[in-house]
Amino acid sequence: MIDMKQIKENVSSKIKNYQGQDEQSLPPRETKKTSTPSAKKSTNDSSAAIGASIKIRGDVTGDENLIIQGEVEGTINVVGHNVTISKTGKVKANINAKQIIVEGVLSGDMAGEEKVIIRQTGNVHGNIIAPRVTLEDGALFKGSIEMEPGKEDLLGSNNSINTSNTSGLKSA
């Protein structure tokens, strides 16, 4: 299981070491401490990114928004936060998140607490469960869509729309 906070801390420490700047040689910074709601909101809205050259296999979990520019294979679970698959992103995973935006390629099921958006450049093969779904003009989608808010954990349920079942239709 991959912890996004741990990756972020590791990358931040390597960047500081790479820059080779000694904090003692830098002038002291002035900082203002504030307890306004906007300051608290900005810490909750932080995002982690998986860069274009990064490939991950396994479970990805976290307590912040996730932007995927590289490749991920496994499961992605960031309940209460957003997942964005950018144009360069290639994902083979089931995703659970508050809001899911697909601009790249996704093969897997999505469960969005609030909504799922497939942008014009998006290519999705999988099922969607969310109270709101947006498919932009030009988006590619193959799968089923379940839009029944209030039902929990519907991935894999038999209530999804099946567009291939036409046995009850008669031809004229």
Protein backbone atom coordinates (compact mmCIF):
# COMPACT_ATOMS: atom_id res chain seq x y z
CA MET A 1 0.00 0.00 0.00
CA ILE A 2 1.39 3.39 -0.99
CA ASP A 3 0.96 6.29 1.42
CA MET A 4 0.85 9.58 -0.52
CA LYS A 5 1.98 11.65 2.50
CA GLN A 6 5.11 9.52 2.81
CA ILE A 7 5.90 9.94 -0.90
CA LYS A 8 5.36 13.69 -0.69
CA GLU A 9 7.67 14.04 2.34
CA ASN A 10 10.34 11.90 0.67
CA VAL A 11 10.23 13.93 -2.55
CA SER A 12 10.27 17.23 -0.63
CA SER A 13 13.37 16.21 1.35
CA LYS A 14 15.19 15.11 -1.83
CA ILE A 15 14.37 18.40 -3.55
CA LYS A 16 15.78 20.36 -0.60
CA ASN A 17 18.96 18.26 -0.64
CA TYR A 18 19.29 18.62 -4.41
CA GLN A 19 19.03 22.38 -4.32
CA GLY A 20 21.96 22.36 -1.95
CA GLN A 21 20.83 25.44 -0.09
CA ASP A 22 21.79 25.69 3.53
CA GLU A 23 18.93 27.20 5.52
CA GLN A 24 21.42 29.02 7.74
CA SER A 25 22.70 31.01 4.75
CA LEU A 26 19.20 32.18 3.83
CA PRO A 27 17.75 35.36 5.40
CA PRO A 28 15.08 34.68 8.04
CA ARG A 29 11.53 34.54 6.74
CA GLU A 30 8.67 36.47 8.15
CA THR A 31 5.67 34.27 8.75
CA LYS A 32 2.17 35.21 9.73
CA LYS A 33 0.09 32.74 11.65
CA THR A 34 -3.60 33.03 11.00
CA SER A 35 -6.63 31.03 11.98
CA THR A 36 -8.96 32.21 9.24
CA PRO A 37 -11.15 29.61 7.55
CA SER A 38 -9.33 30.16 4.23
CA ALA A 39 -6.01 29.16 5.80
CA LYS A 40 -7.52 25.93 7.08
CA LYS A 41 -9.17 25.28 3.72
CA SER A 42 -5.88 25.55 1.84
CA THR A 43 -4.26 22.82 3.93
CA ASN A 44 -7.22 20.50 3.29
CA ASP A 45 -7.15 21.22 -0.44
CA SER A 46 -3.54 20.13 -0.91
CA SER A 47 -2.81 17.86 -3.85
CA ALA A 48 -0.32 15.12 -4.54
CA ALA A 49 0.83 14.42 -8.08
CA ILE A 50 2.09 11.27 -9.75
CA GLY A 51 4.38 12.62 -12.46
CA ALA A 52 4.34 11.63 -16.13
CA SER A 53 7.41 9.39 -15.81
CA ILE A 54 6.15 7.59 -12.66
CA LYS A 55 4.66 4.07 -12.78
CA ILE A 56 2.90 2.65 -9.72
CA ARG A 57 1.55 -0.86 -9.18
CA GLY A 58 -0.47 -1.43 -6.04
CA ASP A 59 -2.94 0.30 -3.77
CA VAL A 60 -2.87 4.09 -3.60
CA THR A 61 -4.55 5.73 -0.60
CA GLY A 62 -4.40 9.19 0.86
CA ASP A 63 -6.05 12.12 2.59
CA GLU A 64 -5.55 14.70 -0.13
CA ASN A 65 -6.46 15.32 -3.76
CA LEU A 66 -4.56 13.24 -6.31
CA ILE A 67 -3.43 14.23 -9.81
CA ILE A 68 -2.21 11.36 -12.00
CA GLN A 69 0.02 12.23 -14.95
CA GLY A 70 1.82 8.87 -15.13
CA GLU A 71 0.69 5.25 -14.91
CA VAL A 72 -1.13 3.54 -12.04
CA GLU A 73 -2.25 -0.08 -11.84
CA GLY A 74 -4.16 -1.39 -8.82
CA THR A 75 -6.71 0.48 -6.69
CA ILE A 76 -7.06 4.16 -5.81
CA ASN A 77 -8.92 5.08 -2.63
CA VAL A 78 -9.00 8.76 -1.62
CA VAL A 79 -12.49 8.97 -0.11
CA GLY A 80 -13.50 12.58 0.55
CA HIS A 81 -10.97 13.91 -1.97
CA ASN A 82 -10.66 14.35 -5.72
CA VAL A 83 -8.82 12.28 -8.32
CA THR A 84 -7.82 13.79 -11.66
CA ILE A 85 -6.35 11.67 -14.44
CA SER A 86 -4.58 14.14 -16.72
CA LYS A 87 -4.23 13.82 -20.49
CA THR A 88 -0.95 11.90 -20.09
CA GLY A 89 -2.35 9.64 -17.35
CA LYS A 90 -2.94 5.92 -17.95
CA VAL A 91 -4.77 4.11 -15.17
CA LYS A 92 -5.84 0.47 -14.78
CA ALA A 93 -7.57 0.67 -11.42
CA ASN A 94 -10.85 0.90 -9.55
CA ILE A 95 -11.24 4.37 -8.07
CA ASN A 96 -13.16 5.55 -4.97
CA ALA A 97 -13.15 9.33 -4.47
CA LYS A 98 -15.37 12.36 -3.88
CA GLN A 99 -14.97 13.65 -7.43
CA ILE A 100 -13.25 11.92 -10.35
CA ILE A 101 -12.14 13.76 -13.48
CA VAL A 102 -10.79 11.76 -16.44
CA GLU A 103 -8.84 13.52 -19.18
CA GLY A 104 -6.60 10.54 -20.02
CA VAL A 105 -7.14 6.77 -20.21
CA LEU A 106 -8.89 4.74 -17.51
CA SER A 107 -9.66 1.04 -17.48
CA GLY A 108 -11.60 0.28 -14.30
CA ASP A 109 -14.66 1.09 -12.26
CA MET A 110 -15.29 4.45 -10.61
CA ALA A 111 -17.33 5.30 -7.52
CA GLY A 112 -17.70 9.06 -7.10
CA GLU A 113 -19.32 10.38 -3.93
CA GLU A 114 -20.34 13.63 -5.66
CA LYS A 115 -19.66 13.35 -9.39
CA VAL A 116 -17.66 11.86 -12.23
CA ILE A 117 -16.56 13.92 -15.22
CA ILE A 118 -15.12 12.45 -18.42
CA ARG A 119 -13.54 15.25 -20.42
CA GLN A 120 -13.38 15.48 -24.21
CA THR A 121 -9.94 13.81 -24.22
CA GLY A 122 -11.02 11.07 -21.77
CA ASN A 123 -11.19 7.39 -22.67
CA VAL A 124 -12.93 5.15 -20.10
CA HIS A 125 -13.65 1.42 -20.12
CA GLY A 126 -15.49 0.60 -16.92
CA ASN A 127 -18.56 1.20 -14.81
CA ILE A 128 -19.49 4.45 -13.11
CA ILE A 129 -21.42 4.88 -9.88
CA ALA A 130 -22.09 8.49 -8.89
CA PRO A 131 -25.06 10.79 -8.24
CA ARG A 132 -23.91 13.07 -11.12
CA VAL A 133 -22.06 12.07 -14.30
CA THR A 134 -20.83 14.35 -17.08
CA LEU A 135 -19.65 13.04 -20.45
CA GLU A 136 -18.25 15.85 -22.57
CA ASP A 137 -18.70 15.86 -26.33
CA GLY A 138 -15.94 13.69 -27.83
CA ALA A 139 -15.31 11.61 -24.70
CA LEU A 140 -15.01 7.85 -25.20
CA PHE A 141 -16.91 5.64 -22.74
CA LYS A 142 -17.74 1.94 -22.64
CA GLY A 143 -19.48 0.59 -19.57
CA SER A 144 -22.50 1.16 -17.38
CA ILE A 145 -23.64 4.16 -15.35
CA GLU A 146 -25.46 3.94 -12.02
CA MET A 147 -26.89 7.23 -10.76
CA GLU A 148 -28.82 6.37 -7.61
CA PRO A 149 -27.69 8.69 -4.82
CA GLY A 150 -28.10 7.31 -1.34
CA LYS A 151 -27.03 3.77 -2.15
CA GLU A 152 -23.67 2.86 -0.69
CA ASP A 153 -20.95 0.68 -2.18
CA LEU A 154 -22.74 -0.18 -5.41
CA LEU A 155 -19.66 -1.31 -7.31
CA GLY A 156 -20.43 -4.76 -8.58
CA SER A 157 -24.18 -4.53 -7.91
CA ASN A 158 -26.74 -5.89 -10.38
CA ASN A 159 -28.69 -2.59 -10.52
CA SER A 160 -26.49 -0.93 -13.14
CA ILE A 161 -27.68 -0.06 -16.60
CA ASN A 162 -26.94 -2.75 -19.17
CA THR A 163 -27.00 -1.30 -22.66
CA SER A 164 -26.26 -4.62 -24.36
CA ASN A 165 -29.44 -6.41 -23.21
CA THR A 166 -31.94 -5.99 -26.04
CA SER A 167 -33.60 -9.41 -25.84
CA GLY A 168 -36.98 -7.91 -24.89
CA LEU A 169 -37.12 -5.65 -27.95
CA LYS A 170 -38.99 -6.70 -31.08
CA SER A 171 -38.01 -5.48 -34.51
CA ALA A 172 -40.65 -3.78 -36.68
